[in-house]
N, C-alpha and C. Protein backbone atom coordinates (compact mmCIF):
# COMPACT_ATOMS: atom_id res chain seq x y z
N MET A 1 -20.15 65.99 -16.28
CA MET A 1 -19.25 65.23 -15.42
C MET A 1 -19.54 65.60 -13.98
N ILE A 2 -19.74 64.61 -13.16
CA ILE A 2 -19.94 64.82 -11.73
C ILE A 2 -18.81 64.11 -10.99
N PHE A 3 -18.21 64.81 -10.04
CA PHE A 3 -17.14 64.21 -9.24
C PHE A 3 -17.20 64.71 -7.82
N GLU A 4 -16.56 63.97 -6.93
CA GLU A 4 -16.51 64.35 -5.53
C GLU A 4 -15.11 64.85 -5.19
N ALA A 5 -15.07 65.82 -4.29
CA ALA A 5 -13.78 66.39 -3.90
C ALA A 5 -13.83 66.82 -2.44
N ARG A 6 -12.67 66.79 -1.83
CA ARG A 6 -12.49 67.34 -0.48
C ARG A 6 -11.85 68.71 -0.66
N VAL A 7 -12.33 69.70 0.04
CA VAL A 7 -11.86 71.07 -0.14
C VAL A 7 -11.02 71.51 1.06
N LYS A 8 -9.88 72.12 0.76
CA LYS A 8 -9.02 72.73 1.78
C LYS A 8 -9.01 74.23 1.53
N THR A 9 -9.35 74.99 2.55
CA THR A 9 -9.47 76.44 2.41
C THR A 9 -8.23 77.16 2.95
N GLY A 10 -8.10 78.44 2.61
CA GLY A 10 -7.02 79.26 3.13
C GLY A 10 -5.65 78.89 2.59
N ARG A 11 -5.59 78.35 1.39
CA ARG A 11 -4.30 77.94 0.79
C ARG A 11 -3.72 79.08 -0.03
N ASN A 12 -2.50 78.90 -0.49
CA ASN A 12 -1.81 79.95 -1.25
C ASN A 12 -2.32 80.10 -2.67
N GLU A 13 -2.87 79.01 -3.24
CA GLU A 13 -3.34 79.07 -4.62
C GLU A 13 -4.44 78.04 -4.84
N PHE A 14 -5.20 78.23 -5.92
CA PHE A 14 -6.21 77.26 -6.31
C PHE A 14 -5.51 76.09 -6.97
N ALA A 15 -5.86 74.88 -6.56
CA ALA A 15 -5.25 73.68 -7.14
C ALA A 15 -6.19 72.50 -7.03
N ILE A 16 -6.06 71.59 -7.98
CA ILE A 16 -6.81 70.33 -7.95
C ILE A 16 -5.79 69.21 -8.04
N ILE A 17 -5.88 68.27 -7.09
CA ILE A 17 -4.98 67.12 -7.13
C ILE A 17 -5.78 65.84 -6.89
N LYS A 18 -5.26 64.73 -7.39
CA LYS A 18 -5.86 63.43 -7.09
C LYS A 18 -5.34 63.00 -5.73
N ALA A 19 -6.28 62.54 -4.89
CA ALA A 19 -5.89 62.13 -3.53
C ALA A 19 -6.88 61.10 -3.01
N ASP A 20 -6.38 60.03 -2.45
CA ASP A 20 -7.22 59.02 -1.80
C ASP A 20 -8.38 58.55 -2.68
N GLY A 21 -8.10 58.26 -3.94
CA GLY A 21 -9.12 57.74 -4.84
C GLY A 21 -10.11 58.77 -5.32
N GLY A 22 -9.91 60.04 -4.99
CA GLY A 22 -10.80 61.11 -5.42
C GLY A 22 -9.98 62.34 -5.74
N PHE A 23 -10.56 63.48 -5.51
CA PHE A 23 -9.88 64.74 -5.79
C PHE A 23 -9.86 65.62 -4.55
N GLU A 24 -8.86 66.47 -4.49
CA GLU A 24 -8.74 67.46 -3.43
C GLU A 24 -8.59 68.81 -4.11
N ILE A 25 -9.38 69.77 -3.68
CA ILE A 25 -9.33 71.12 -4.24
C ILE A 25 -8.85 72.07 -3.15
N SER A 26 -7.82 72.81 -3.45
CA SER A 26 -7.31 73.85 -2.54
C SER A 26 -7.80 75.20 -3.05
N VAL A 27 -8.31 76.02 -2.14
CA VAL A 27 -8.78 77.36 -2.50
C VAL A 27 -8.16 78.40 -1.59
N ARG A 28 -8.04 79.62 -2.09
CA ARG A 28 -7.49 80.72 -1.30
C ARG A 28 -8.51 81.23 -0.28
N SER A 29 -9.76 81.19 -0.65
CA SER A 29 -10.84 81.76 0.19
C SER A 29 -11.06 80.96 1.47
N GLN A 30 -11.74 81.63 2.39
CA GLN A 30 -12.16 81.00 3.64
C GLN A 30 -13.60 80.51 3.48
N PRO A 31 -14.01 79.54 4.29
CA PRO A 31 -15.37 79.00 4.17
C PRO A 31 -16.41 79.86 4.89
N ARG A 32 -16.55 81.08 4.50
CA ARG A 32 -17.56 81.95 5.11
C ARG A 32 -18.37 82.63 4.01
N GLU A 33 -19.65 82.68 4.24
CA GLU A 33 -20.59 83.33 3.32
C GLU A 33 -20.43 82.84 1.89
N GLY A 34 -20.08 81.58 1.71
CA GLY A 34 -20.00 80.99 0.38
C GLY A 34 -18.78 81.39 -0.44
N GLU A 35 -17.80 82.05 0.17
CA GLU A 35 -16.62 82.52 -0.57
C GLU A 35 -15.84 81.37 -1.20
N ALA A 36 -15.60 80.31 -0.45
CA ALA A 36 -14.83 79.17 -0.99
C ALA A 36 -15.61 78.49 -2.11
N ASN A 37 -16.90 78.31 -1.93
CA ASN A 37 -17.73 77.70 -2.97
C ASN A 37 -17.70 78.54 -4.25
N ALA A 38 -17.82 79.84 -4.10
CA ALA A 38 -17.79 80.74 -5.27
C ALA A 38 -16.46 80.64 -5.99
N GLU A 39 -15.36 80.53 -5.24
CA GLU A 39 -14.04 80.40 -5.87
C GLU A 39 -13.95 79.09 -6.65
N ILE A 40 -14.46 78.02 -6.09
CA ILE A 40 -14.43 76.72 -6.80
C ILE A 40 -15.16 76.84 -8.13
N VAL A 41 -16.38 77.35 -8.10
CA VAL A 41 -17.19 77.46 -9.30
C VAL A 41 -16.51 78.39 -10.32
N ARG A 42 -16.03 79.53 -9.86
CA ARG A 42 -15.39 80.51 -10.74
C ARG A 42 -14.13 79.93 -11.40
N GLU A 43 -13.28 79.28 -10.62
CA GLU A 43 -12.03 78.74 -11.16
C GLU A 43 -12.27 77.56 -12.09
N LEU A 44 -13.22 76.69 -11.76
CA LEU A 44 -13.51 75.58 -12.67
C LEU A 44 -14.07 76.09 -13.99
N LYS A 45 -14.90 77.12 -13.93
CA LYS A 45 -15.42 77.71 -15.17
C LYS A 45 -14.28 78.34 -15.99
N ARG A 46 -13.38 79.02 -15.32
CA ARG A 46 -12.25 79.65 -16.01
C ARG A 46 -11.36 78.58 -16.65
N LEU A 47 -11.10 77.50 -15.93
CA LEU A 47 -10.19 76.47 -16.43
C LEU A 47 -10.79 75.59 -17.51
N THR A 48 -12.10 75.33 -17.42
CA THR A 48 -12.73 74.41 -18.38
C THR A 48 -13.51 75.12 -19.47
N GLY A 49 -13.88 76.37 -19.23
CA GLY A 49 -14.73 77.09 -20.18
C GLY A 49 -16.18 76.62 -20.13
N ARG A 50 -16.55 75.91 -19.07
CA ARG A 50 -17.90 75.36 -18.92
C ARG A 50 -18.47 75.72 -17.55
N SER A 51 -19.79 75.69 -17.47
CA SER A 51 -20.46 76.00 -16.20
C SER A 51 -20.20 74.89 -15.19
N ALA A 52 -19.96 75.29 -13.95
CA ALA A 52 -19.74 74.35 -12.87
C ALA A 52 -20.70 74.68 -11.74
N PHE A 53 -21.14 73.64 -11.02
CA PHE A 53 -22.08 73.80 -9.93
C PHE A 53 -21.70 72.90 -8.77
N ILE A 54 -21.96 73.34 -7.58
CA ILE A 54 -21.82 72.47 -6.41
C ILE A 54 -23.19 71.82 -6.21
N VAL A 55 -23.24 70.53 -6.44
CA VAL A 55 -24.49 69.77 -6.38
C VAL A 55 -24.84 69.41 -4.95
N LYS A 56 -23.84 69.08 -4.17
CA LYS A 56 -24.06 68.62 -2.79
C LYS A 56 -22.86 69.04 -1.94
N GLY A 57 -23.12 69.41 -0.70
CA GLY A 57 -22.05 69.73 0.23
C GLY A 57 -21.70 71.19 0.32
N ALA A 58 -22.65 72.06 0.07
CA ALA A 58 -22.39 73.51 0.10
C ALA A 58 -21.81 73.97 1.44
N LYS A 59 -22.14 73.27 2.51
CA LYS A 59 -21.64 73.66 3.83
C LYS A 59 -20.70 72.61 4.41
N SER A 60 -20.09 71.84 3.55
CA SER A 60 -19.22 70.75 3.97
C SER A 60 -17.88 70.83 3.23
N LYS A 61 -16.86 70.20 3.80
CA LYS A 61 -15.57 70.13 3.10
C LYS A 61 -15.63 69.11 1.98
N ARG A 62 -16.57 68.18 2.05
CA ARG A 62 -16.76 67.18 1.00
C ARG A 62 -17.88 67.67 0.08
N LYS A 63 -17.55 67.81 -1.20
CA LYS A 63 -18.48 68.37 -2.16
C LYS A 63 -18.67 67.44 -3.34
N THR A 64 -19.86 67.49 -3.91
CA THR A 64 -20.13 66.85 -5.19
C THR A 64 -20.27 68.00 -6.18
N ILE A 65 -19.47 67.96 -7.23
CA ILE A 65 -19.38 69.07 -8.18
C ILE A 65 -19.72 68.57 -9.57
N SER A 66 -20.46 69.38 -10.31
CA SER A 66 -20.82 69.05 -11.69
C SER A 66 -20.22 70.09 -12.62
N ILE A 67 -19.63 69.61 -13.71
CA ILE A 67 -19.16 70.49 -14.78
C ILE A 67 -19.97 70.12 -16.01
N GLU A 68 -20.80 71.05 -16.49
CA GLU A 68 -21.72 70.77 -17.59
C GLU A 68 -20.99 70.46 -18.88
N GLY A 69 -21.47 69.43 -19.57
CA GLY A 69 -20.99 69.11 -20.91
C GLY A 69 -19.59 68.54 -20.97
N LEU A 70 -19.06 68.10 -19.86
CA LEU A 70 -17.72 67.53 -19.83
C LEU A 70 -17.84 66.07 -19.45
N ASP A 71 -17.41 65.18 -20.34
CA ASP A 71 -17.48 63.76 -20.01
C ASP A 71 -16.23 63.34 -19.24
N GLU A 72 -16.18 62.09 -18.83
CA GLU A 72 -15.06 61.63 -18.00
C GLU A 72 -13.72 61.77 -18.71
N GLY A 73 -13.68 61.45 -20.00
CA GLY A 73 -12.44 61.60 -20.76
C GLY A 73 -12.02 63.06 -20.86
N GLY A 74 -12.99 63.93 -21.03
CA GLY A 74 -12.70 65.37 -21.09
C GLY A 74 -12.20 65.89 -19.77
N PHE A 75 -12.73 65.34 -18.68
CA PHE A 75 -12.27 65.74 -17.36
C PHE A 75 -10.83 65.30 -17.14
N GLU A 76 -10.49 64.09 -17.57
CA GLU A 76 -9.11 63.61 -17.43
C GLU A 76 -8.16 64.49 -18.23
N ASP A 77 -8.57 64.88 -19.45
CA ASP A 77 -7.76 65.80 -20.27
C ASP A 77 -7.59 67.14 -19.55
N PHE A 78 -8.69 67.64 -18.98
CA PHE A 78 -8.63 68.90 -18.24
C PHE A 78 -7.68 68.78 -17.07
N TYR A 79 -7.83 67.70 -16.31
CA TYR A 79 -6.99 67.50 -15.13
C TYR A 79 -5.51 67.44 -15.52
N GLU A 80 -5.20 66.69 -16.55
CA GLU A 80 -3.80 66.55 -16.99
C GLU A 80 -3.25 67.90 -17.47
N SER A 81 -4.08 68.72 -18.08
CA SER A 81 -3.60 70.03 -18.56
C SER A 81 -3.29 70.98 -17.41
N CYS A 82 -3.88 70.72 -16.24
CA CYS A 82 -3.63 71.55 -15.05
C CYS A 82 -2.29 71.24 -14.40
N HIS A 83 -1.68 70.12 -14.76
CA HIS A 83 -0.46 69.68 -14.08
C HIS A 83 0.69 69.53 -15.00
């Protein structure tokens, strides 16, 4: 599954929400030395049990993220379980 998300850093907790036709990910980390990117990958792996990668946007607030072996229906199930 590949999806696009806008990332907000320095938040109180990790969260994923639907926003503006896409997704918004809030992370606790700051965008320095890859800390926010590492948190995204780590938390998505913890929540889905699957490997996650930032495909595009490593230095941008807009990211393209891949979660291996998760189809669109599985992603919707994952998203609903988070809320």
